[in-house]
PDB file of N, CA and C in Angstrom:
ATOM      1  N   MET A   1      10.345  39.558 -16.972  1.00  0.00           N
ATOM      2  CA  MET A   1       9.344  39.327 -17.913  1.00  0.00           C
ATOM      3  C   MET A   1       8.523  40.503 -18.267  1.00  0.00           C
ATOM      4  N   SER A   2       8.333  40.772 -19.577  1.00  0.00           N
ATOM      5  CA  SER A   2       7.680  41.939 -20.082  1.00  0.00           C
ATOM      6  C   SER A   2       6.242  41.768 -20.078  1.00  0.00           C
ATOM      7  N   ALA A   3       5.567  42.968 -19.887  1.00  0.00           N
ATOM      8  CA  ALA A   3       4.043  43.048 -19.842  1.00  0.00           C
ATOM      9  C   ALA A   3       3.643  42.738 -21.270  1.00  0.00           C
ATOM     10  N   PRO A   4       2.284  42.100 -21.373  1.00  0.00           N
ATOM     11  CA  PRO A   4       1.694  41.814 -22.528  1.00  0.00           C
ATOM     12  C   PRO A   4       1.309  42.962 -23.256  1.00  0.00           C
ATOM     13  N   ALA A   5       1.405  42.953 -24.710  1.00  0.00           N
ATOM     14  CA  ALA A   5       0.927  44.012 -25.420  1.00  0.00           C
ATOM     15  C   ALA A   5      -0.466  44.008 -25.563  1.00  0.00           C
ATOM     16  N   TYR A   6      -1.414  45.086 -25.840  1.00  0.00           N
ATOM     17  CA  TYR A   6      -2.556  45.140 -25.931  1.00  0.00           C
ATOM     18  C   TYR A   6      -2.920  46.114 -27.249  1.00  0.00           C
ATOM     19  N   ASP A   7      -3.517  45.375 -28.075  1.00  0.00           N
ATOM     20  CA  ASP A   7      -3.930  45.967 -29.418  1.00  0.00           C
ATOM     21  C   ASP A   7      -5.508  46.152 -29.477  1.00  0.00           C
ATOM     22  N   CYS A   8      -5.867  47.468 -29.138  1.00  0.00           N
ATOM     23  CA  CYS A   8      -7.149  47.849 -28.953  1.00  0.00           C
ATOM     24  C   CYS A   8      -7.960  47.538 -30.371  1.00  0.00           C
ATOM     25  N   VAL A   9      -7.497  47.744 -31.421  1.00  0.00           N
ATOM     26  CA  VAL A   9      -8.103  47.465 -32.606  1.00  0.00           C
ATOM     27  C   VAL A   9      -8.480  46.077 -32.973  1.00  0.00           C
ATOM     28  N   THR A  10      -7.878  44.952 -32.275  1.00  0.00           N
ATOM     29  CA  THR A  10      -8.083  43.645 -32.482  1.00  0.00           C
ATOM     30  C   THR A  10      -8.870  43.172 -31.248  1.00  0.00           C
ATOM     31  N   CYS A  11      -9.102  43.983 -30.227  1.00  0.00           N
ATOM     32  CA  CYS A  11      -9.845  43.719 -29.129  1.00  0.00           C
ATOM     33  C   CYS A  11     -11.319  44.411 -29.010  1.00  0.00           C
ATOM     34  N   GLY A  12     -11.361  45.679 -28.732  1.00  0.00           N
ATOM     35  CA  GLY A  12     -12.576  46.494 -28.658  1.00  0.00           C
ATOM     36  C   GLY A  12     -13.307  46.208 -27.511  1.00  0.00           C
ATOM     37  N   ALA A  13     -12.910  45.270 -26.564  1.00  0.00           N
ATOM     38  CA  ALA A  13     -13.714  44.906 -25.477  1.00  0.00           C
ATOM     39  C   ALA A  13     -14.325  46.032 -24.750  1.00  0.00           C
ATOM     40  N   CYS A  14     -13.750  47.338 -24.572  1.00  0.00           N
ATOM     41  CA  CYS A  14     -14.118  48.395 -23.812  1.00  0.00           C
ATOM     42  C   CYS A  14     -15.448  49.065 -24.511  1.00  0.00           C
ATOM     43  N   CYS A  15     -15.495  48.594 -25.850  1.00  0.00           N
ATOM     44  CA  CYS A  15     -16.699  49.378 -26.557  1.00  0.00           C
ATOM     45  C   CYS A  15     -17.885  48.538 -26.639  1.00  0.00           C
ATOM     46  N   PHE A  16     -17.965  47.406 -25.961  1.00  0.00           N
ATOM     47  CA  PHE A  16     -19.112  46.759 -25.899  1.00  0.00           C
ATOM     48  C   PHE A  16     -19.849  46.699 -24.532  1.00  0.00           C
ATOM     49  N   SER A  17     -21.046  46.923 -24.400  1.00  0.00           N
ATOM     50  CA  SER A  17     -22.059  46.728 -23.271  1.00  0.00           C
ATOM     51  C   SER A  17     -23.250  46.561 -23.604  1.00  0.00           C
ATOM     52  N   ARG A  18     -24.065  45.917 -22.581  1.00  0.00           N
ATOM     53  CA  ARG A  18     -25.504  45.665 -22.744  1.00  0.00           C
ATOM     54  C   ARG A  18     -26.206  46.726 -22.002  1.00  0.00           C
ATOM     55  N   ASN A  19     -25.503  47.782 -21.348  1.00  0.00           N
ATOM     56  CA  ASN A  19     -25.974  48.807 -20.630  1.00  0.00           C
ATOM     57  C   ASN A  19     -26.069  50.050 -21.564  1.00  0.00           C
ATOM     58  N   PRO A  20     -27.318  50.329 -22.007  1.00  0.00           N
ATOM     59  CA  PRO A  20     -27.569  51.654 -22.879  1.00  0.00           C
ATOM     60  C   PRO A  20     -27.065  52.786 -22.430  1.00  0.00           C
ATOM     61  N   ARG A  21     -26.631  53.094 -21.033  1.00  0.00           N
ATOM     62  CA  ARG A  21     -26.135  54.296 -20.449  1.00  0.00           C
ATOM     63  C   ARG A  21     -24.618  54.064 -20.197  1.00  0.00           C
ATOM     64  N   TYR A  22     -24.054  53.219 -20.805  1.00  0.00           N
ATOM     65  CA  TYR A  22     -22.638  52.796 -20.610  1.00  0.00           C
ATOM     66  C   TYR A  22     -21.638  53.955 -20.723  1.00  0.00           C
ATOM     67  N   LEU A  23     -21.791  54.883 -21.622  1.00  0.00           N
ATOM     68  CA  LEU A  23     -20.955  55.926 -21.849  1.00  0.00           C
ATOM     69  C   LEU A  23     -21.741  57.303 -21.797  1.00  0.00           C
ATOM     70  N   VAL A  24     -21.479  58.087 -20.738  1.00  0.00           N
ATOM     71  CA  VAL A  24     -22.159  59.443 -20.599  1.00  0.00           C
ATOM     72  C   VAL A  24     -21.159  60.456 -21.055  1.00  0.00           C
ATOM     73  N   LEU A  25     -21.514  61.348 -21.786  1.00  0.00           N
ATOM     74  CA  LEU A  25     -20.612  62.503 -22.101  1.00  0.00           C
ATOM     75  C   LEU A  25     -20.403  63.347 -20.943  1.00  0.00           C
ATOM     76  N   LEU A  26     -19.223  63.886 -20.801  1.00  0.00           N
ATOM     77  CA  LEU A  26     -18.871  64.752 -19.754  1.00  0.00           C
ATOM     78  C   LEU A  26     -18.595  66.257 -20.245  1.00  0.00           C
ATOM     79  N   LEU A  27     -18.541  67.239 -19.468  1.00  0.00           N
ATOM     80  CA  LEU A  27     -18.251  68.555 -19.666  1.00  0.00           C
ATOM     81  C   LEU A  27     -17.172  68.782 -20.757  1.00  0.00           C
ATOM     82  N   GLU A  28     -16.038  67.997 -20.582  1.00  0.00           N
ATOM     83  CA  GLU A  28     -15.009  68.024 -21.540  1.00  0.00           C
ATOM     84  C   GLU A  28     -15.333  67.734 -22.985  1.00  0.00           C
ATOM     85  N   ASP A  29     -16.558  66.969 -23.160  1.00  0.00           N
ATOM     86  CA  ASP A  29     -16.955  66.564 -24.521  1.00  0.00           C
ATOM     87  C   ASP A  29     -17.712  67.779 -25.226  1.00  0.00           C
ATOM     88  N   THR A  30     -18.091  68.774 -24.503  1.00  0.00           N
ATOM     89  CA  THR A  30     -18.643  69.928 -25.180  1.00  0.00           C
ATOM     90  C   THR A  30     -17.925  70.347 -26.293  1.00  0.00           C
ATOM     91  N   GLY A  31     -18.662  70.396 -27.418  1.00  0.00           N
ATOM     92  CA  GLY A  31     -18.052  70.989 -28.875  1.00  0.00           C
ATOM     93  C   GLY A  31     -17.255  69.878 -29.601  1.00  0.00           C
ATOM     94  N   ARG A  32     -17.285  68.540 -29.136  1.00  0.00           N
ATOM     95  CA  ARG A  32     -16.828  67.473 -29.968  1.00  0.00           C
ATOM     96  C   ARG A  32     -17.613  67.206 -31.077  1.00  0.00           C
ATOM     97  N   ALA A  33     -17.118  66.854 -32.202  1.00  0.00           N
ATOM     98  CA  ALA A  33     -18.076  66.830 -33.435  1.00  0.00           C
ATOM     99  C   ALA A  33     -18.500  65.233 -33.392  1.00  0.00           C
ATOM    100  N   LEU A  34     -19.530  64.909 -32.598  1.00  0.00           N
ATOM    101  CA  LEU A  34     -20.123  63.626 -32.584  1.00  0.00           C
ATOM    102  C   LEU A  34     -21.455  63.781 -33.161  1.00  0.00           C
ATOM    103  N   PRO A  35     -21.871  62.765 -34.109  1.00  0.00           N
ATOM    104  CA  PRO A  35     -23.025  62.697 -34.754  1.00  0.00           C
ATOM    105  C   PRO A  35     -24.206  62.780 -33.953  1.00  0.00           C
ATOM    106  N   ALA A  36     -24.970  63.667 -34.153  1.00  0.00           N
ATOM    107  CA  ALA A  36     -26.162  63.778 -33.334  1.00  0.00           C
ATOM    108  C   ALA A  36     -27.108  62.758 -33.151  1.00  0.00           C
ATOM    109  N   ASP A  37     -27.165  61.890 -34.265  1.00  0.00           N
ATOM    110  CA  ASP A  37     -28.060  60.616 -34.181  1.00  0.00           C
ATOM    111  C   ASP A  37     -27.406  59.512 -33.376  1.00  0.00           C
ATOM    112  N   SER A  38     -26.131  59.608 -33.006  1.00  0.00           N
ATOM    113  CA  SER A  38     -25.373  58.576 -32.165  1.00  0.00           C
ATOM    114  C   SER A  38     -25.557  58.762 -30.515  1.00  0.00           C
ATOM    115  N   LEU A  39     -26.244  59.808 -30.370  1.00  0.00           N
ATOM    116  CA  LEU A  39     -26.400  60.303 -28.867  1.00  0.00           C
ATOM    117  C   LEU A  39     -27.849  60.334 -28.557  1.00  0.00           C
ATOM    118  N   PHE A  40     -28.162  60.213 -27.226  1.00  0.00           N
ATOM    119  CA  PHE A  40     -29.382  60.245 -26.681  1.00  0.00           C
ATOM    120  C   PHE A  40     -29.504  61.047 -25.235  1.00  0.00           C
ATOM    121  N   GLU A  41     -30.506  61.764 -24.906  1.00  0.00           N
ATOM    122  CA  GLU A  41     -30.478  62.301 -23.519  1.00  0.00           C
ATOM    123  C   GLU A  41     -31.493  61.545 -22.674  1.00  0.00           C
ATOM    124  N   ASP A  42     -31.056  61.571 -21.342  1.00  0.00           N
ATOM    125  CA  ASP A  42     -31.972  60.937 -20.492  1.00  0.00           C
ATOM    126  C   ASP A  42     -31.559  61.576 -19.227  1.00  0.00           C
ATOM    127  N   ALA A  43     -32.818  62.277 -18.451  1.00  0.00           N
ATOM    128  CA  ALA A  43     -32.584  62.794 -17.171  1.00  0.00           C
ATOM    129  C   ALA A  43     -31.515  63.944 -17.277  1.00  0.00           C
ATOM    130  N   GLY A  44     -31.517  64.675 -18.308  1.00  0.00           N
ATOM    131  CA  GLY A  44     -30.664  65.850 -18.337  1.00  0.00           C
ATOM    132  C   GLY A  44     -28.989  65.529 -18.638  1.00  0.00           C
ATOM    133  N   ARG A  45     -28.768  64.282 -18.980  1.00  0.00           N
ATOM    134  CA  ARG A  45     -27.448  63.830 -19.312  1.00  0.00           C
ATOM    135  C   ARG A  45     -27.307  63.239 -20.703  1.00  0.00           C
ATOM    136  N   THR A  46     -26.338  63.375 -21.462  1.00  0.00           N
ATOM    137  CA  THR A  46     -26.337  62.874 -22.812  1.00  0.00           C
ATOM    138  C   THR A  46     -25.293  61.577 -22.762  1.00  0.00           C
ATOM    139  N   PHE A  47     -25.883  60.601 -23.538  1.00  0.00           N
ATOM    140  CA  PHE A  47     -25.184  59.283 -23.575  1.00  0.00           C
ATOM    141  C   PHE A  47     -24.720  58.888 -25.133  1.00  0.00           C
ATOM    142  N   VAL A  48     -23.783  58.096 -25.249  1.00  0.00           N
ATOM    143  CA  VAL A  48     -23.536  57.655 -26.676  1.00  0.00           C
ATOM    144  C   VAL A  48     -24.409  56.193 -26.757  1.00  0.00           C
ATOM    145  N   ASP A  49     -25.075  56.027 -27.764  1.00  0.00           N
ATOM    146  CA  ASP A  49     -26.006  54.985 -28.033  1.00  0.00           C
ATOM    147  C   ASP A  49     -25.248  53.694 -28.211  1.00  0.00           C
ATOM    148  N   PHE A  50     -25.659  52.703 -27.225  1.00  0.00           N
ATOM    149  CA  PHE A  50     -25.023  51.321 -27.201  1.00  0.00           C
ATOM    150  C   PHE A  50     -26.302  50.353 -27.490  1.00  0.00           C
ATOM    151  N   SER A  51     -27.256  50.792 -28.168  1.00  0.00           N
ATOM    152  CA  SER A  51     -28.485  49.849 -28.218  1.00  0.00           C
ATOM    153  C   SER A  51     -28.353  48.625 -28.981  1.00  0.00           C
ATOM    154  N   CYS A  52     -27.388  48.694 -29.918  1.00  0.00           N
ATOM    155  CA  CYS A  52     -26.989  47.327 -30.587  1.00  0.00           C
ATOM    156  C   CYS A  52     -25.842  46.411 -29.786  1.00  0.00           C
ATOM    157  N   GLY A  53     -25.448  46.856 -28.575  1.00  0.00           N
ATOM    158  CA  GLY A  53     -24.595  46.071 -27.943  1.00  0.00           C
ATOM    159  C   GLY A  53     -23.208  46.512 -27.868  1.00  0.00           C
ATOM    160  N   HIS A  54     -23.019  47.570 -28.664  1.00  0.00           N
ATOM    161  CA  HIS A  54     -21.711  48.272 -28.698  1.00  0.00           C
ATOM    162  C   HIS A  54     -21.856  49.640 -29.181  1.00  0.00           C
ATOM    163  N   CYS A  55     -20.598  50.358 -28.831  1.00  0.00           N
ATOM    164  CA  CYS A  55     -20.954  51.777 -29.220  1.00  0.00           C
ATOM    165  C   CYS A  55     -21.289  52.054 -30.604  1.00  0.00           C
ATOM    166  N   THR A  56     -22.261  53.021 -30.914  1.00  0.00           N
ATOM    167  CA  THR A  56     -22.483  53.197 -32.322  1.00  0.00           C
ATOM    168  C   THR A  56     -21.477  53.608 -33.269  1.00  0.00           C
ATOM    169  N   HIS A  57     -20.425  54.177 -32.620  1.00  0.00           N
ATOM    170  CA  HIS A  57     -19.233  54.744 -33.469  1.00  0.00           C
ATOM    171  C   HIS A  57     -18.242  53.513 -33.799  1.00  0.00           C
ATOM    172  N   LEU A  58     -18.542  52.379 -33.204  1.00  0.00           N
ATOM    173  CA  LEU A  58     -17.455  51.127 -33.552  1.00  0.00           C
ATOM    174  C   LEU A  58     -17.809  50.759 -34.867  1.00  0.00           C
ATOM    175  N   THR A  59     -16.803  50.617 -35.720  1.00  0.00           N
ATOM    176  CA  THR A  59     -16.856  49.803 -37.120  1.00  0.00           C
ATOM    177  C   THR A  59     -16.194  48.542 -36.905  1.00  0.00           C
ATOM    178  N   LEU A  60     -16.941  47.409 -37.170  1.00  0.00           N
ATOM    179  CA  LEU A  60     -16.533  46.225 -36.786  1.00  0.00           C
ATOM    180  C   LEU A  60     -16.255  45.601 -38.213  1.00  0.00           C
ATOM    181  N   SER A  61     -14.957  44.469 -38.287  1.00  0.00           N
ATOM    182  CA  SER A  61     -14.815  43.853 -39.359  1.00  0.00           C
ATOM    183  C   SER A  61     -14.381  42.617 -38.822  1.00  0.00           C
ATOM    184  N   GLU A  62     -13.955  41.592 -39.700  1.00  0.00           N
ATOM    185  CA  GLU A  62     -13.901  40.179 -39.070  1.00  0.00           C
ATOM    186  C   GLU A  62     -12.714  40.273 -37.933  1.00  0.00           C
ATOM    187  N   ASP A  63     -11.829  41.051 -38.056  1.00  0.00           N
ATOM    188  CA  ASP A  63     -10.747  40.971 -37.100  1.00  0.00           C
ATOM    189  C   ASP A  63     -10.304  42.449 -36.665  1.00  0.00           C
ATOM    190  N   ARG A  64     -11.201  43.466 -36.861  1.00  0.00           N
ATOM    191  CA  ARG A  64     -10.766  44.763 -36.381  1.00  0.00           C
ATOM    192  C   ARG A  64     -11.966  45.393 -35.653  1.00  0.00           C
ATOM    193  N   ALA A  65     -11.790  46.174 -34.679  1.00  0.00           N
ATOM    194  CA  ALA A  65     -12.762  47.012 -34.112  1.00  0.00           C
ATOM    195  C   ALA A  65     -12.191  48.561 -34.023  1.00  0.00           C
ATOM    196  N   GLU A  66     -12.701  49.417 -34.927  1.00  0.00           N
ATOM    197  CA  GLU A  66     -12.249  50.651 -34.956  1.00  0.00           C
ATOM    198  C   GLU A  66     -13.090  51.655 -34.666  1.00  0.00           C
ATOM    199  N   CYS A  67     -12.645  52.760 -34.001  1.00  0.00           N
ATOM    200  CA  CYS A  67     -13.458  53.789 -33.629  1.00  0.00           C
ATOM    201  C   CYS A  67     -13.785  54.834 -34.881  1.00  0.00           C
ATOM    202  N   GLY A  68     -14.886  54.988 -35.294  1.00  0.00           N
ATOM    203  CA  GLY A  68     -15.178  55.815 -36.250  1.00  0.00           C
ATOM    204  C   GLY A  68     -15.241  57.328 -36.116  1.00  0.00           C
ATOM    205  N   VAL A  69     -14.970  57.766 -34.882  1.00  0.00           N
ATOM    206  CA  VAL A  69     -14.891  59.183 -34.387  1.00  0.00           C
ATOM    207  C   VAL A  69     -13.589  59.370 -33.558  1.00  0.00           C
ATOM    208  N   TYR A  70     -12.542  58.543 -33.851  1.00  0.00           N
ATOM    209  CA  TYR A  70     -11.385  58.660 -33.074  1.00  0.00           C
ATOM    210  C   TYR A  70     -10.789  60.023 -32.606  1.00  0.00           C
ATOM    211  N   GLU A  71     -10.801  60.825 -33.535  1.00  0.00           N
ATOM    212  CA  GLU A  71     -10.345  62.262 -33.411  1.00  0.00           C
ATOM    213  C   GLU A  71     -11.153  62.962 -32.392  1.00  0.00           C
ATOM    214  N   ASN A  72     -12.543  62.802 -32.393  1.00  0.00           N
ATOM    215  CA  ASN A  72     -13.362  63.349 -31.587  1.00  0.00           C
ATOM    216  C   ASN A  72     -13.854  62.442 -30.494  1.00  0.00           C
ATOM    217  N   ARG A  73     -13.330  61.344 -30.182  1.00  0.00           N
ATOM    218  CA  ARG A  73     -13.843  60.380 -29.258  1.00  0.00           C
ATOM    219  C   ARG A  73     -14.235  61.084 -27.766  1.00  0.00           C
ATOM    220  N   PRO A  74     -15.220  60.589 -27.149  1.00  0.00           N
ATOM    221  CA  PRO A  74     -15.520  61.107 -25.773  1.00  0.00           C
ATOM    222  C   PRO A  74     -14.113  61.141 -24.898  1.00  0.00           C
ATOM    223  N   GLU A  75     -14.182  62.000 -23.792  1.00  0.00           N
ATOM    224  CA  GLU A  75     -13.224  61.915 -22.718  1.00  0.00           C
ATOM    225  C   GLU A  75     -12.981  60.551 -22.132  1.00  0.00           C
ATOM    226  N   ALA A  76     -14.075  59.961 -21.819  1.00  0.00           N
ATOM    227  CA  ALA A  76     -14.105  58.614 -21.103  1.00  0.00           C
ATOM    228  C   ALA A  76     -13.261  57.652 -22.013  1.00  0.00           C
ATOM    229  N   CYS A  77     -13.498  57.753 -23.219  1.00  0.00           N
ATOM    230  CA  CYS A  77     -12.640  56.964 -24.198  1.00  0.00           C
ATOM    231  C   CYS A  77     -11.160  57.418 -24.120  1.00  0.00           C
ATOM    232  N   ARG A  78     -10.930  58.638 -24.253  1.00  0.00           N
ATOM    233  CA  ARG A  78      -9.503  58.990 -24.016  1.00  0.00           C
ATOM    234  C   ARG A  78      -8.656  58.732 -23.025  1.00  0.00           C
ATOM    235  N   ALA A  79      -9.497  58.611 -21.765  1.00  0.00           N
ATOM    236  CA  ALA A  79      -8.817  58.312 -20.544  1.00  0.00           C
ATOM    237  C   ALA A  79      -8.670  56.789 -20.419  1.00  0.00           C
ATOM    238  N   PHE A  80      -9.386  55.936 -21.116  1.00  0.00           N
ATOM    239  CA  PHE A  80      -9.228  54.503 -21.119  1.00  0.00           C
ATOM    240  C   PHE A  80      -7.797  53.965 -21.548  1.00  0.00           C
ATOM    241  N   ARG A  81      -7.051  53.336 -20.788  1.00  0.00           N
ATOM    242  CA  ARG A  81      -5.721  52.753 -21.071  1.00  0.00           C
ATOM    243  C   ARG A  81      -5.795  51.338 -21.310  1.00  0.00           C
ATOM    244  N   ALA A  82      -5.117  50.920 -22.366  1.00  0.00           N
ATOM    245  CA  ALA A  82      -4.907  49.581 -22.651  1.00  0.00           C
ATOM    246  C   ALA A  82      -4.064  48.877 -21.645  1.00  0.00           C
ATOM    247  N   GLY A  83      -4.493  47.717 -21.233  1.00  0.00           N
ATOM    248  CA  GLY A  83      -3.834  46.963 -20.154  1.00  0.00           C
ATOM    249  C   GLY A  83      -4.044  47.424 -18.670  1.00  0.00           C
ATOM    250  N   SER A  84      -4.963  48.424 -18.583  1.00  0.00           N
ATOM    251  CA  SER A  84      -5.244  48.960 -17.232  1.00  0.00           C
ATOM    252  C   SER A  84      -6.239  47.948 -16.572  1.00  0.00           C
ATOM    253  N   PHE A  85      -6.533  48.087 -15.253  1.00  0.00           N
ATOM    254  CA  PHE A  85      -7.451  47.416 -14.494  1.00  0.00           C
ATOM    255  C   PHE A  85      -8.878  47.361 -15.332  1.00  0.00           C
ATOM    256  N   GLU A  86      -9.254  48.563 -15.632  1.00  0.00           N
ATOM    257  CA  GLU A  86     -10.547  48.619 -16.377  1.00  0.00           C
ATOM    258  C   GLU A  86     -10.479  47.919 -17.706  1.00  0.00           C
ATOM    259  N   CYS A  87      -9.383  48.033 -18.310  1.00  0.00           N
ATOM    260  CA  CYS A  87      -9.203  47.268 -19.652  1.00  0.00           C
ATOM    261  C   CYS A  87      -9.474  45.762 -19.284  1.00  0.00           C
ATOM    262  N   LEU A  88      -8.807  45.228 -18.527  1.00  0.00           N
ATOM    263  CA  LEU A  88      -8.779  43.799 -18.111  1.00  0.00           C
ATOM    264  C   LEU A  88     -10.162  43.283 -17.611  1.00  0.00           C
ATOM    265  N   LYS A  89     -10.841  44.370 -17.039  1.00  0.00           N
ATOM    266  CA  LYS A  89     -12.331  44.052 -16.562  1.00  0.00           C
ATOM    267  C   LYS A  89     -13.159  43.940 -17.697  1.00  0.00           C
ATOM    268  N   ALA A  90     -12.877  44.843 -18.742  1.00  0.00           N
ATOM    269  CA  ALA A  90     -13.854  44.781 -19.922  1.00  0.00           C
ATOM    270  C   ALA A  90     -13.660  43.534 -20.804  1.00  0.00           C
ATOM    271  N   ILE A  91     -12.192  43.214 -20.716  1.00  0.00           N
ATOM    272  CA  ILE A  91     -12.023  41.732 -21.416  1.00  0.00           C
ATOM    273  C   ILE A  91     -12.719  40.750 -20.759  1.00  0.00           C
ATOM    274  N   ARG A  92     -12.600  40.580 -19.550  1.00  0.00           N
ATOM    275  CA  ARG A  92     -13.491  39.531 -18.725  1.00  0.00           C
ATOM    276  C   ARG A  92     -14.803  39.585 -18.939  1.00  0.00           C
ATOM    277  N   ALA A  93     -15.390  40.810 -18.869  1.00  0.00           N
ATOM    278  CA  ALA A  93     -16.843  40.913 -19.107  1.00  0.00           C
ATOM    279  C   ALA A  93     -17.444  40.735 -20.488  1.00  0.00           C
ATOM    280  N   ASN A  94     -16.679  41.196 -21.424  1.00  0.00           N
ATOM    281  CA  ASN A  94     -17.135  41.234 -22.814  1.00  0.00           C
ATOM    282  C   ASN A  94     -16.553  40.460 -23.740  1.00  0.00           C
ATOM    283  N   GLY A  95     -15.327  39.983 -23.424  1.00  0.00           N
ATOM    284  CA  GLY A  95     -14.582  39.143 -24.359  1.00  0.00           C
ATOM    285  C   GLY A  95     -13.936  39.870 -25.489  1.00  0.00           C
ATOM    286  N   VAL A  96     -12.921  39.455 -26.073  1.00  0.00           N
ATOM    287  CA  VAL A  96     -12.299  40.340 -27.161  1.00  0.00           C
ATOM    288  C   VAL A  96     -13.223  40.284 -28.249  1.00  0.00           C
ATOM    289  N   MET A  97     -13.280  41.501 -28.902  1.00  0.00           N
ATOM    290  CA  MET A  97     -14.402  41.953 -29.895  1.00  0.00           C
ATOM    291  C   MET A  97     -15.849  41.573 -29.500  1.00  0.00           C
ATOM    292  N   GLY A  98     -15.981  41.764 -28.159  1.00  0.00           N
ATOM    293  CA  GLY A  98     -17.348  41.615 -27.568  1.00  0.00           C
ATOM    294  C   GLY A  98     -17.891  40.309 -27.630  1.00  0.00           C
ATOM    295  N   GLU A  99     -17.194  39.279 -27.824  1.00  0.00           N
ATOM    296  CA  GLU A  99     -17.581  37.912 -28.148  1.00  0.00           C
ATOM    297  C   GLU A  99     -18.822  37.465 -27.042  1.00  0.00           C
ATOM    298  N   ARG A 100     -18.712  37.914 -25.756  1.00  0.00           N
ATOM    299  CA  ARG A 100     -19.571  37.606 -24.924  1.00  0.00           C
ATOM    300  C   ARG A 100     -20.836  38.255 -24.912  1.00  0.00           C
ATOM    301  N   VAL A 101     -20.820  39.536 -25.224  1.00  0.00           N
ATOM    302  CA  VAL A 101     -22.043  40.573 -25.296  1.00  0.00           C
ATOM    303  C   VAL A 101     -22.679  40.023 -26.746  1.00  0.00           C
ATOM    304  N   ARG A 102     -22.043  39.743 -27.761  1.00  0.00           N
ATOM    305  CA  ARG A 102     -22.641  39.279 -29.018  1.00  0.00           C
ATOM    306  C   ARG A 102     -23.355  37.923 -28.770  1.00  0.00           C
ATOM    307  N   GLU A 103     -22.782  37.056 -27.986  1.00  0.00           N
ATOM    308  CA  GLU A 103     -23.328  35.778 -27.833  1.00  0.00           C
ATOM    309  C   GLU A 103     -24.690  35.982 -27.227  1.00  0.00           C
ATOM    310  N   LYS A 104     -24.721  36.959 -26.256  1.00  0.00           N
ATOM    311  CA  LYS A 104     -25.974  36.997 -25.339  1.00  0.00           C
ATOM    312  C   LYS A 104     -27.075  37.711 -26.234  1.00  0.00           C
ATOM    313  N   VAL A 105     -26.796  38.575 -27.221  1.00  0.00           N
ATOM    314  CA  VAL A 105     -27.755  39.388 -27.969  1.00  0.00           C
ATOM    315  C   VAL A 105     -28.308  38.336 -28.988  1.00  0.00           C
ATOM    316  N   VAL A 106     -27.393  37.533 -29.601  1.00  0.00           N
ATOM    317  CA  VAL A 106     -27.843  36.517 -30.580  1.00  0.00           C
ATOM    318  C   VAL A 106     -28.840  35.560 -29.934  1.00  0.00           C
ATOM    319  N   ALA A 107     -28.279  34.921 -28.889  1.00  0.00           N
ATOM    320  CA  ALA A 107     -28.872  33.798 -28.131  1.00  0.00           C
ATOM    321  C   ALA A 107     -30.299  34.216 -27.740  1.00  0.00           C
TER     322      ALA A 107
END
C-alpha cells in the first residue's frame, strides 16, 4: 500500500495557529528578506505575526494556501515535512486550510 500524498498548498494546516508566538525566528533566519511589518519582538525573540489566526505571509484563496515569502521562508518552515508526525498533528489540530482555527475565530 502506498503512502498518501500530501499537497501543502491545498492544506496549509501548519500555517494556522491561535498562538501568537507560534513561529519564532532562529539564527538561521538572520538575513532572510522577511517584511518587517510581518514580525514582532517579545522578550528578545522575533516572531512571525499570527494575530489573524494564521501566518501573515499566507495567501488564502478558496482552495489554495500559498506562502507569500516561500523563497525566504523561515527555517522552521523549511524543516517542516509533508506527511510527518508534525504535519499530521497540525492537520488534526487545525484542519485542512485551518478550518478549525477559523471556526473558533469567527464563532
